[in-house]
Amino acid sequence: MIIINGEAIPAETLSLTDYLTTHGLRPERIAIERNGEIIPRKTYDRVTLVDGDKLEIVHFVGGG
């Protein structure tokens, strides 16, 4: 299983970019922590999610 923001999803070979695209998440508006480490945005396309990964995805919200 892969845990994303506390929700378990089945483990399968999945790129981080594919996950973001499928869920309508724009890379320029989020930050991602994987297994306790921040993933640099420029490397999202090279990251593959694997069984046991734990991700936290944080959305930036503008305001005034």
Protein backbone atom coordinates (compact mmCIF):
# COMPACT_ATOMS: atom_id res chain seq x y z
CA MET A 1 0.00 0.00 0.00
CA ILE A 2 0.94 3.60 -0.56
CA ILE A 3 -0.33 6.16 1.95
CA ILE A 4 -1.17 9.60 0.57
CA ASN A 5 -2.38 12.20 3.07
CA GLY A 6 -3.46 9.38 5.37
CA GLU A 7 -5.41 7.47 2.69
CA ALA A 8 -4.20 4.04 1.58
CA ILE A 9 -4.14 3.27 -2.12
CA PRO A 10 -3.08 -0.02 -3.73
CA ALA A 11 0.63 -0.23 -4.48
CA GLU A 12 1.36 -0.30 -8.17
CA THR A 13 4.09 1.07 -10.35
CA LEU A 14 3.02 4.66 -10.69
CA SER A 15 4.99 7.77 -11.41
CA LEU A 16 4.40 10.76 -9.19
CA THR A 17 3.61 12.86 -12.27
CA ASP A 18 0.95 10.35 -13.37
CA TYR A 19 -0.64 10.45 -9.91
CA LEU A 20 -0.71 14.25 -9.90
CA THR A 21 -2.18 14.43 -13.40
CA THR A 22 -4.85 11.83 -12.63
CA HIS A 23 -5.93 13.77 -9.54
CA GLY A 24 -5.84 17.21 -11.17
CA LEU A 25 -3.01 18.49 -8.98
CA ARG A 26 -0.84 21.25 -10.41
CA PRO A 27 2.83 20.79 -9.46
CA GLU A 28 3.43 24.53 -9.16
CA ARG A 29 0.76 24.79 -6.43
CA ILE A 30 1.81 21.92 -4.16
CA ALA A 31 4.66 20.63 -2.03
CA ILE A 32 5.23 16.92 -1.47
CA GLU A 33 6.94 15.07 1.34
CA ARG A 34 7.80 11.42 0.73
CA ASN A 35 8.85 9.24 3.65
CA GLY A 36 9.83 12.31 5.65
CA GLU A 37 11.79 14.10 2.91
CA ILE A 38 10.68 16.95 0.65
CA ILE A 39 10.69 16.02 -3.04
CA PRO A 40 12.15 18.82 -5.18
CA ARG A 41 9.57 19.91 -7.75
CA LYS A 42 12.05 19.58 -10.61
CA THR A 43 12.35 15.84 -9.88
CA TYR A 44 8.62 14.96 -9.82
CA ASP A 45 8.83 13.40 -13.28
CA ARG A 46 11.59 11.01 -12.15
CA VAL A 47 9.90 9.78 -8.95
CA THR A 48 8.17 6.39 -8.96
CA LEU A 49 5.84 5.53 -6.09
CA VAL A 50 6.49 2.14 -4.51
CA ASP A 51 4.88 -0.10 -1.90
CA GLY A 52 5.39 1.35 1.57
CA ASP A 53 5.72 5.00 0.49
CA LYS A 54 4.05 7.61 2.68
CA LEU A 55 3.30 10.94 1.04
CA GLU A 56 1.94 14.20 2.34
CA ILE A 57 0.77 16.61 -0.34
CA VAL A 58 0.22 20.20 0.74
CA HIS A 59 -1.68 22.70 -1.45
CA PHE A 60 -0.70 26.36 -1.49
CA VAL A 61 -3.64 28.68 -1.07
CA GLY A 62 -3.48 32.33 -2.01
CA GLY A 63 -5.15 34.95 0.06
CA GLY A 64 -4.96 38.44 1.23
